[in-house]
PDB file of N, CA and C in Angstrom:
ATOM      1  N   MET A   1     125.060 137.728  19.877  1.00  0.00           N
ATOM      2  CA  MET A   1     126.207 136.856  19.738  1.00  0.00           C
ATOM      3  C   MET A   1     127.379 137.427  20.520  1.00  0.00           C
ATOM      4  N   ALA A   2     128.193 136.522  21.000  1.00  0.00           N
ATOM      5  CA  ALA A   2     129.382 136.936  21.728  1.00  0.00           C
ATOM      6  C   ALA A   2     130.529 136.009  21.374  1.00  0.00           C
ATOM      7  N   ALA A   3     131.689 136.595  21.116  1.00  0.00           N
ATOM      8  CA  ALA A   3     132.877 135.772  20.878  1.00  0.00           C
ATOM      9  C   ALA A   3     133.210 135.090  22.190  1.00  0.00           C
ATOM     10  N   PHE A   4     133.186 133.788  22.183  1.00  0.00           N
ATOM     11  CA  PHE A   4     133.423 133.049  23.419  1.00  0.00           C
ATOM     12  C   PHE A   4     134.829 132.475  23.459  1.00  0.00           C
ATOM     13  N   LEU A   5     135.294 131.998  22.336  1.00  0.00           N
ATOM     14  CA  LEU A   5     136.674 131.522  22.209  1.00  0.00           C
ATOM     15  C   LEU A   5     137.259 132.295  21.034  1.00  0.00           C
ATOM     16  N   THR A   6     138.190 133.200  21.305  1.00  0.00           N
ATOM     17  CA  THR A   6     138.709 134.058  20.254  1.00  0.00           C
ATOM     18  C   THR A   6     139.396 133.243  19.162  1.00  0.00           C
ATOM     19  N   VAL A   7     139.380 133.792  17.959  1.00  0.00           N
ATOM     20  CA  VAL A   7     139.972 133.114  16.806  1.00  0.00           C
ATOM     21  C   VAL A   7     141.475 132.964  17.008  1.00  0.00           C
ATOM     22  N   GLY A   8     141.964 131.766  16.785  1.00  0.00           N
ATOM     23  CA  GLY A   8     143.383 131.476  16.913  1.00  0.00           C
ATOM     24  C   GLY A   8     143.659 130.079  16.393  1.00  0.00           C
ATOM     25  N   ASN A   9     144.932 129.698  16.374  1.00  0.00           N
ATOM     26  CA  ASN A   9     145.262 128.354  15.889  1.00  0.00           C
ATOM     27  C   ASN A   9     146.031 127.527  16.919  1.00  0.00           C
ATOM     28  N   THR A  10     146.232 128.055  18.109  1.00  0.00           N
ATOM     29  CA  THR A  10     146.914 127.304  19.155  1.00  0.00           C
ATOM     30  C   THR A  10     145.901 126.531  20.003  1.00  0.00           C
ATOM     31  N   ALA A  11     146.357 125.471  20.625  1.00  0.00           N
ATOM     32  CA  ALA A  11     145.496 124.719  21.529  1.00  0.00           C
ATOM     33  C   ALA A  11     145.207 125.569  22.759  1.00  0.00           C
ATOM     34  N   THR A  12     143.959 125.636  23.159  1.00  0.00           N
ATOM     35  CA  THR A  12     143.570 126.408  24.332  1.00  0.00           C
ATOM     36  C   THR A  12     142.217 125.935  24.830  1.00  0.00           C
ATOM     37  N   THR A  13     141.864 126.332  26.035  1.00  0.00           N
ATOM     38  CA  THR A  13     140.542 126.045  26.569  1.00  0.00           C
ATOM     39  C   THR A  13     139.867 127.343  26.977  1.00  0.00           C
ATOM     40  N   SER A  14     138.549 127.345  26.910  1.00  0.00           N
ATOM     41  CA  SER A  14     137.768 128.514  27.306  1.00  0.00           C
ATOM     42  C   SER A  14     137.544 128.500  28.812  1.00  0.00           C
ATOM     43  N   ALA A  15     136.956 129.560  29.280  1.00  0.00           N
ATOM     44  CA  ALA A  15     136.463 129.587  30.655  1.00  0.00           C
ATOM     45  C   ALA A  15     135.252 128.659  30.744  1.00  0.00           C
ATOM     46  N   ASP A  16     134.958 128.200  31.940  1.00  0.00           N
ATOM     47  CA  ASP A  16     133.752 127.398  32.144  1.00  0.00           C
ATOM     48  C   ASP A  16     132.510 128.236  31.908  1.00  0.00           C
ATOM     49  N   PHE A  17     131.448 127.587  31.475  1.00  0.00           N
ATOM     50  CA  PHE A  17     130.126 128.210  31.429  1.00  0.00           C
ATOM     51  C   PHE A  17     129.108 127.176  31.861  1.00  0.00           C
ATOM     52  N   ALA A  18     128.037 127.638  32.493  1.00  0.00           N
ATOM     53  CA  ALA A  18     127.037 126.728  33.052  1.00  0.00           C
ATOM     54  C   ALA A  18     125.709 126.893  32.348  1.00  0.00           C
ATOM     55  N   LEU A  19     124.990 125.790  32.229  1.00  0.00           N
ATOM     56  CA  LEU A  19     123.610 125.792  31.759  1.00  0.00           C
ATOM     57  C   LEU A  19     122.748 125.193  32.860  1.00  0.00           C
ATOM     58  N   LEU A  20     121.662 125.880  33.179  1.00  0.00           N
ATOM     59  CA  LEU A  20     120.722 125.421  34.186  1.00  0.00           C
ATOM     60  C   LEU A  20     119.517 124.783  33.493  1.00  0.00           C
ATOM     61  N   ALA A  21     118.639 124.207  34.257  1.00  0.00           N
ATOM     62  CA  ALA A  21     117.432 123.584  33.707  1.00  0.00           C
ATOM     63  C   ALA A  21     116.683 124.601  32.847  1.00  0.00           C
ATOM     64  N   GLY A  22     116.369 124.223  31.627  1.00  0.00           N
ATOM     65  CA  GLY A  22     115.645 125.097  30.705  1.00  0.00           C
ATOM     66  C   GLY A  22     116.530 126.000  29.867  1.00  0.00           C
ATOM     67  N   ASP A  23     117.823 126.072  30.180  1.00  0.00           N
ATOM     68  CA  ASP A  23     118.755 126.894  29.405  1.00  0.00           C
ATOM     69  C   ASP A  23     119.219 126.152  28.160  1.00  0.00           C
ATOM     70  N   SER A  24     119.585 126.915  27.147  1.00  0.00           N
ATOM     71  CA  SER A  24     120.267 126.357  25.980  1.00  0.00           C
ATOM     72  C   SER A  24     121.162 127.439  25.405  1.00  0.00           C
ATOM     73  N   THR A  25     122.128 127.025  24.615  1.00  0.00           N
ATOM     74  CA  THR A  25     123.005 127.973  23.930  1.00  0.00           C
ATOM     75  C   THR A  25     123.410 127.382  22.593  1.00  0.00           C
ATOM     76  N   THR A  26     123.612 128.255  21.632  1.00  0.00           N
ATOM     77  CA  THR A  26     124.080 127.840  20.311  1.00  0.00           C
ATOM     78  C   THR A  26     125.557 128.150  20.215  1.00  0.00           C
ATOM     79  N   LEU A  27     126.351 127.139  19.884  1.00  0.00           N
ATOM     80  CA  LEU A  27     127.785 127.280  19.695  1.00  0.00           C
ATOM     81  C   LEU A  27     128.085 127.109  18.216  1.00  0.00           C
ATOM     82  N   PHE A  28     128.933 127.979  17.650  1.00  0.00           N
ATOM     83  CA  PHE A  28     129.280 127.832  16.237  1.00  0.00           C
ATOM     84  C   PHE A  28     130.675 128.364  15.961  1.00  0.00           C
ATOM     85  N   LEU A  29     131.332 127.693  14.995  1.00  0.00           N
ATOM     86  CA  LEU A  29     132.694 128.068  14.621  1.00  0.00           C
ATOM     87  C   LEU A  29     132.712 129.368  13.836  1.00  0.00           C
ATOM     88  N   VAL A  30     133.745 130.158  14.053  1.00  0.00           N
ATOM     89  CA  VAL A  30     133.989 131.389  13.301  1.00  0.00           C
ATOM     90  C   VAL A  30     135.471 131.437  12.936  1.00  0.00           C
ATOM     91  N   ASP A  31     135.782 132.224  11.894  1.00  0.00           N
ATOM     92  CA  ASP A  31     137.177 132.434  11.528  1.00  0.00           C
ATOM     93  C   ASP A  31     137.360 133.869  11.074  1.00  0.00           C
ATOM     94  N   ASN A  32     138.552 134.220  10.613  1.00  0.00           N
ATOM     95  CA  ASN A  32     138.846 135.574  10.150  1.00  0.00           C
ATOM     96  C   ASN A  32     138.736 135.717   8.643  1.00  0.00           C
ATOM     97  N   VAL A  33     138.284 134.681   7.963  1.00  0.00           N
ATOM     98  CA  VAL A  33     138.217 134.681   6.509  1.00  0.00           C
ATOM     99  C   VAL A  33     136.759 134.809   6.084  1.00  0.00           C
ATOM    100  N   ASP A  34     136.484 135.756   5.192  1.00  0.00           N
ATOM    101  CA  ASP A  34     135.105 135.981   4.767  1.00  0.00           C
ATOM    102  C   ASP A  34     134.685 135.136   3.572  1.00  0.00           C
ATOM    103  N   THR A  35     135.623 134.536   2.859  1.00  0.00           N
ATOM    104  CA  THR A  35     135.263 133.917   1.589  1.00  0.00           C
ATOM    105  C   THR A  35     135.170 132.402   1.619  1.00  0.00           C
ATOM    106  N   ASP A  36     136.132 131.733   2.198  1.00  0.00           N
ATOM    107  CA  ASP A  36     136.193 130.280   2.092  1.00  0.00           C
ATOM    108  C   ASP A  36     135.519 129.525   3.223  1.00  0.00           C
ATOM    109  N   GLY A  37     135.159 130.186   4.279  1.00  0.00           N
ATOM    110  CA  GLY A  37     134.524 129.503   5.392  1.00  0.00           C
ATOM    111  C   GLY A  37     135.513 128.793   6.299  1.00  0.00           C
ATOM    112  N   ILE A  38     135.001 127.878   7.079  1.00  0.00           N
ATOM    113  CA  ILE A  38     135.777 127.193   8.104  1.00  0.00           C
ATOM    114  C   ILE A  38     136.741 126.183   7.472  1.00  0.00           C
ATOM    115  N   SER A  39     137.936 126.138   7.987  1.00  0.00           N
ATOM    116  CA  SER A  39     138.966 125.217   7.505  1.00  0.00           C
ATOM    117  C   SER A  39     138.588 123.772   7.811  1.00  0.00           C
ATOM    118  N   SER A  40     139.008 122.870   6.944  1.00  0.00           N
ATOM    119  CA  SER A  40     138.727 121.448   7.153  1.00  0.00           C
ATOM    120  C   SER A  40     139.522 120.869   8.318  1.00  0.00           C
ATOM    121  N   THR A  41     140.526 121.589   8.824  1.00  0.00           N
ATOM    122  CA  THR A  41     141.316 121.099   9.955  1.00  0.00           C
ATOM    123  C   THR A  41     140.812 121.630  11.298  1.00  0.00           C
ATOM    124  N   ALA A  42     139.806 122.480  11.275  1.00  0.00           N
ATOM    125  CA  ALA A  42     139.302 123.099  12.505  1.00  0.00           C
ATOM    126  C   ALA A  42     138.608 122.073  13.397  1.00  0.00           C
ATOM    127  N   GLN A  43     138.897 122.143  14.688  1.00  0.00           N
ATOM    128  CA  GLN A  43     138.176 121.315  15.650  1.00  0.00           C
ATOM    129  C   GLN A  43     138.216 121.961  17.020  1.00  0.00           C
ATOM    130  N   VAL A  44     137.050 122.045  17.644  1.00  0.00           N
ATOM    131  CA  VAL A  44     136.925 122.511  19.020  1.00  0.00           C
ATOM    132  C   VAL A  44     136.065 121.496  19.759  1.00  0.00           C
ATOM    133  N   ASP A  45     136.639 120.871  20.772  1.00  0.00           N
ATOM    134  CA  ASP A  45     135.904 119.893  21.562  1.00  0.00           C
ATOM    135  C   ASP A  45     135.010 120.587  22.572  1.00  0.00           C
ATOM    136  N   ILE A  46     133.847 119.989  22.825  1.00  0.00           N
ATOM    137  CA  ILE A  46     132.930 120.445  23.864  1.00  0.00           C
ATOM    138  C   ILE A  46     133.092 119.485  25.028  1.00  0.00           C
ATOM    139  N   GLN A  47     133.393 120.035  26.205  1.00  0.00           N
ATOM    140  CA  GLN A  47     133.654 119.191  27.365  1.00  0.00           C
ATOM    141  C   GLN A  47     132.701 119.528  28.505  1.00  0.00           C
ATOM    142  N   ILE A  48     132.329 118.508  29.259  1.00  0.00           N
ATOM    143  CA  ILE A  48     131.500 118.685  30.454  1.00  0.00           C
ATOM    144  C   ILE A  48     132.363 118.400  31.677  1.00  0.00           C
ATOM    145  N   LYS A  49     132.098 119.136  32.746  1.00  0.00           N
ATOM    146  CA  LYS A  49     132.866 118.992  33.985  1.00  0.00           C
ATOM    147  C   LYS A  49     132.140 118.024  34.918  1.00  0.00           C
ATOM    148  N   ALA A  50     132.851 117.001  35.359  1.00  0.00           N
ATOM    149  CA  ALA A  50     132.297 116.020  36.289  1.00  0.00           C
ATOM    150  C   ALA A  50     132.383 116.549  37.723  1.00  0.00           C
ATOM    151  N   SER A  51     131.705 115.879  38.628  1.00  0.00           N
ATOM    152  CA  SER A  51     131.679 116.329  40.026  1.00  0.00           C
ATOM    153  C   SER A  51     133.051 116.304  40.681  1.00  0.00           C
ATOM    154  N   ASP A  52     133.984 115.495  40.142  1.00  0.00           N
ATOM    155  CA  ASP A  52     135.335 115.463  40.698  1.00  0.00           C
ATOM    156  C   ASP A  52     136.263 116.503  40.064  1.00  0.00           C
ATOM    157  N   GLY A  53     135.718 117.346  39.171  1.00  0.00           N
ATOM    158  CA  GLY A  53     136.502 118.412  38.546  1.00  0.00           C
ATOM    159  C   GLY A  53     137.160 118.037  37.240  1.00  0.00           C
ATOM    160  N   LYS A  54     137.075 116.782  36.834  1.00  0.00           N
ATOM    161  CA  LYS A  54     137.654 116.348  35.563  1.00  0.00           C
ATOM    162  C   LYS A  54     136.712 116.708  34.424  1.00  0.00           C
ATOM    163  N   TYR A  55     137.291 116.926  33.233  1.00  0.00           N
ATOM    164  CA  TYR A  55     136.520 117.250  32.045  1.00  0.00           C
ATOM    165  C   TYR A  55     136.483 116.062  31.093  1.00  0.00           C
ATOM    166  N   PHE A  56     135.339 115.884  30.448  1.00  0.00           N
ATOM    167  CA  PHE A  56     135.153 114.803  29.486  1.00  0.00           C
ATOM    168  C   PHE A  56     134.585 115.366  28.197  1.00  0.00           C
ATOM    169  N   SER A  57     135.168 114.982  27.063  1.00  0.00           N
ATOM    170  CA  SER A  57     134.674 115.433  25.762  1.00  0.00           C
ATOM    171  C   SER A  57     133.355 114.734  25.447  1.00  0.00           C
ATOM    172  N   ILE A  58     132.363 115.526  25.061  1.00  0.00           N
ATOM    173  CA  ILE A  58     131.038 114.979  24.745  1.00  0.00           C
ATOM    174  C   ILE A  58     130.631 115.260  23.304  1.00  0.00           C
ATOM    175  N   GLY A  59     131.462 115.962  22.574  1.00  0.00           N
ATOM    176  CA  GLY A  59     131.172 116.295  21.187  1.00  0.00           C
ATOM    177  C   GLY A  59     132.221 117.254  20.675  1.00  0.00           C
ATOM    178  N   ALA A  60     132.054 117.668  19.421  1.00  0.00           N
ATOM    179  CA  ALA A  60     133.024 118.590  18.831  1.00  0.00           C
ATOM    180  C   ALA A  60     132.368 119.444  17.761  1.00  0.00           C
ATOM    181  N   LEU A  61     132.878 120.649  17.616  1.00  0.00           N
ATOM    182  CA  LEU A  61     132.566 121.506  16.484  1.00  0.00           C
ATOM    183  C   LEU A  61     133.693 121.320  15.480  1.00  0.00           C
ATOM    184  N   SER A  62     133.340 121.201  14.210  1.00  0.00           N
ATOM    185  CA  SER A  62     134.350 120.949  13.180  1.00  0.00           C
ATOM    186  C   SER A  62     133.835 121.454  11.837  1.00  0.00           C
ATOM    187  N   TYR A  63     134.651 121.287  10.809  1.00  0.00           N
ATOM    188  CA  TYR A  63     134.259 121.663   9.456  1.00  0.00           C
ATOM    189  C   TYR A  63     132.929 121.017   9.064  1.00  0.00           C
ATOM    190  N   SER A  64     132.766 119.738   9.391  1.00  0.00           N
ATOM    191  CA  SER A  64     131.544 119.022   9.008  1.00  0.00           C
ATOM    192  C   SER A  64     130.403 119.202  10.013  1.00  0.00           C
ATOM    193  N   ASN A  65     130.685 119.777  11.159  1.00  0.00           N
ATOM    194  CA  ASN A  65     129.678 120.015  12.194  1.00  0.00           C
ATOM    195  C   ASN A  65     129.959 121.372  12.854  1.00  0.00           C
ATOM    196  N   PRO A  66     129.734 122.487  12.120  1.00  0.00           N
ATOM    197  CA  PRO A  66     130.171 123.797  12.607  1.00  0.00           C
ATOM    198  C   PRO A  66     129.227 124.479  13.600  1.00  0.00           C
ATOM    199  N   ILE A  67     128.060 123.885  13.877  1.00  0.00           N
ATOM    200  CA  ILE A  67     127.102 124.506  14.789  1.00  0.00           C
ATOM    201  C   ILE A  67     126.434 123.434  15.629  1.00  0.00           C
ATOM    202  N   LEU A  68     126.131 123.797  16.891  1.00  0.00           N
ATOM    203  CA  LEU A  68     125.504 122.844  17.793  1.00  0.00           C
ATOM    204  C   LEU A  68     124.683 123.605  18.822  1.00  0.00           C
ATOM    205  N   VAL A  69     123.498 123.110  19.113  1.00  0.00           N
ATOM    206  CA  VAL A  69     122.688 123.662  20.195  1.00  0.00           C
ATOM    207  C   VAL A  69     122.884 122.759  21.404  1.00  0.00           C
ATOM    208  N   LEU A  70     123.358 123.350  22.478  1.00  0.00           N
ATOM    209  CA  LEU A  70     123.622 122.626  23.711  1.00  0.00           C
ATOM    210  C   LEU A  70     122.499 122.953  24.683  1.00  0.00           C
ATOM    211  N   ASP A  71     121.795 121.926  25.156  1.00  0.00           N
ATOM    212  CA  ASP A  71     120.674 122.172  26.069  1.00  0.00           C
ATOM    213  C   ASP A  71     120.655 121.193  27.234  1.00  0.00           C
ATOM    214  N   ALA A  72     121.814 120.839  27.720  1.00  0.00           N
ATOM    215  CA  ALA A  72     121.945 119.943  28.864  1.00  0.00           C
ATOM    216  C   ALA A  72     122.379 120.737  30.088  1.00  0.00           C
ATOM    217  N   VAL A  73     121.926 120.317  31.245  1.00  0.00           N
ATOM    218  CA  VAL A  73     122.344 120.943  32.497  1.00  0.00           C
ATOM    219  C   VAL A  73     123.779 120.527  32.802  1.00  0.00           C
ATOM    220  N   GLY A  74     124.606 121.492  33.172  1.00  0.00           N
ATOM    221  CA  GLY A  74     125.976 121.167  33.545  1.00  0.00           C
ATOM    222  C   GLY A  74     126.911 122.338  33.403  1.00  0.00           C
ATOM    223  N   THR A  75     128.175 122.089  33.709  1.00  0.00           N
ATOM    224  CA  THR A  75     129.248 123.060  33.527  1.00  0.00           C
ATOM    225  C   THR A  75     130.104 122.563  32.369  1.00  0.00           C
ATOM    226  N   PHE A  76     130.357 123.447  31.434  1.00  0.00           N
ATOM    227  CA  PHE A  76     131.014 123.080  30.189  1.00  0.00           C
ATOM    228  C   PHE A  76     132.192 124.000  29.925  1.00  0.00           C
ATOM    229  N   ARG A  77     133.052 123.567  29.000  1.00  0.00           N
ATOM    230  CA  ARG A  77     134.095 124.420  28.452  1.00  0.00           C
ATOM    231  C   ARG A  77     134.378 123.944  27.030  1.00  0.00           C
ATOM    232  N   LEU A  78     135.095 124.770  26.296  1.00  0.00           N
ATOM    233  CA  LEU A  78     135.497 124.447  24.930  1.00  0.00           C
ATOM    234  C   LEU A  78     137.006 124.263  24.896  1.00  0.00           C
ATOM    235  N   LYS A  79     137.468 123.290  24.118  1.00  0.00           N
ATOM    236  CA  LYS A  79     138.899 123.011  24.018  1.00  0.00           C
ATOM    237  C   LYS A  79     139.287 122.985  22.546  1.00  0.00           C
ATOM    238  N   ARG A  80     140.015 124.028  22.118  1.00  0.00           N
ATOM    239  CA  ARG A  80     140.452 124.100  20.725  1.00  0.00           C
ATOM    240  C   ARG A  80     141.674 123.221  20.514  1.00  0.00           C
ATOM    241  N   ILE A  81     141.630 122.451  19.442  1.00  0.00           N
ATOM    242  CA  ILE A  81     142.750 121.617  19.030  1.00  0.00           C
ATOM    243  C   ILE A  81     143.660 122.467  18.142  1.00  0.00           C
ATOM    244  N   ALA A  82     144.966 122.395  18.330  1.00  0.00           N
ATOM    245  CA  ALA A  82     145.912 123.159  17.509  1.00  0.00           C
ATOM    246  C   ALA A  82     145.712 122.829  16.037  1.00  0.00           C
ATOM    247  N   SER A  83     145.801 123.862  15.198  1.00  0.00           N
ATOM    248  CA  SER A  83     145.541 123.701  13.770  1.00  0.00           C
ATOM    249  C   SER A  83     146.401 124.686  12.991  1.00  0.00           C
ATOM    250  N   THR A  84     146.574 124.426  11.713  1.00  0.00           N
ATOM    251  CA  THR A  84     147.298 125.375  10.869  1.00  0.00           C
ATOM    252  C   THR A  84     146.447 126.592  10.547  1.00  0.00           C
ATOM    253  N   ASP A  85     145.136 126.463  10.617  1.00  0.00           N
ATOM    254  CA  ASP A  85     144.208 127.561  10.322  1.00  0.00           C
ATOM    255  C   ASP A  85     143.520 128.025  11.594  1.00  0.00           C
ATOM    256  N   ALA A  86     143.274 129.312  11.687  1.00  0.00           N
ATOM    257  CA  ALA A  86     142.666 129.900  12.890  1.00  0.00           C
ATOM    258  C   ALA A  86     141.156 129.685  12.905  1.00  0.00           C
ATOM    259  N   VAL A  87     140.651 129.402  14.093  1.00  0.00           N
ATOM    260  CA  VAL A  87     139.214 129.224  14.303  1.00  0.00           C
ATOM    261  C   VAL A  87     138.874 129.639  15.723  1.00  0.00           C
ATOM    262  N   GLY A  88     137.649 130.070  15.916  1.00  0.00           N
ATOM    263  CA  GLY A  88     137.142 130.429  17.241  1.00  0.00           C
ATOM    264  C   GLY A  88     135.709 129.971  17.357  1.00  0.00           C
ATOM    265  N   VAL A  89     135.059 130.311  18.478  1.00  0.00           N
ATOM    266  CA  VAL A  89     133.675 129.926  18.701  1.00  0.00           C
ATOM    267  C   VAL A  89     132.888 131.125  19.202  1.00  0.00           C
ATOM    268  N   ASP A  90     131.723 131.348  18.597  1.00  0.00           N
ATOM    269  CA  ASP A  90     130.754 132.301  19.122  1.00  0.00           C
ATOM    270  C   ASP A  90     129.691 131.517  19.860  1.00  0.00           C
ATOM    271  N   LYS A  91     129.070 132.174  20.818  1.00  0.00           N
ATOM    272  CA  LYS A  91     128.038 131.536  21.653  1.00  0.00           C
ATOM    273  C   LYS A  91     126.900 132.520  21.817  1.00  0.00           C
ATOM    274  N   ASN A  92     125.682 132.040  21.582  1.00  0.00           N
ATOM    275  CA  ASN A  92     124.521 132.909  21.866  1.00  0.00           C
ATOM    276  C   ASN A  92     123.385 132.107  22.411  1.00  0.00           C
TER     277      ASN A  92
END
């Protein structure tokens, strides 16, 4: 596992990452709290980069969907939505 988007509560975007044919990665929310789990206000959008360089949201990690396996070819990034509670994303 690797911290891919550090825990925080400000809006931010991650660096791009690419998946090639046959690649997959598991993305999941993390926080700094050991007892209560992920906040209900947490949201991190998953975006794909188009050939013209624009990004489009294709899904989201959230309280109700805290883990996702991504197995599509493309260049992606994560976009954290500002929240009162801190959240980050690990990727493996």
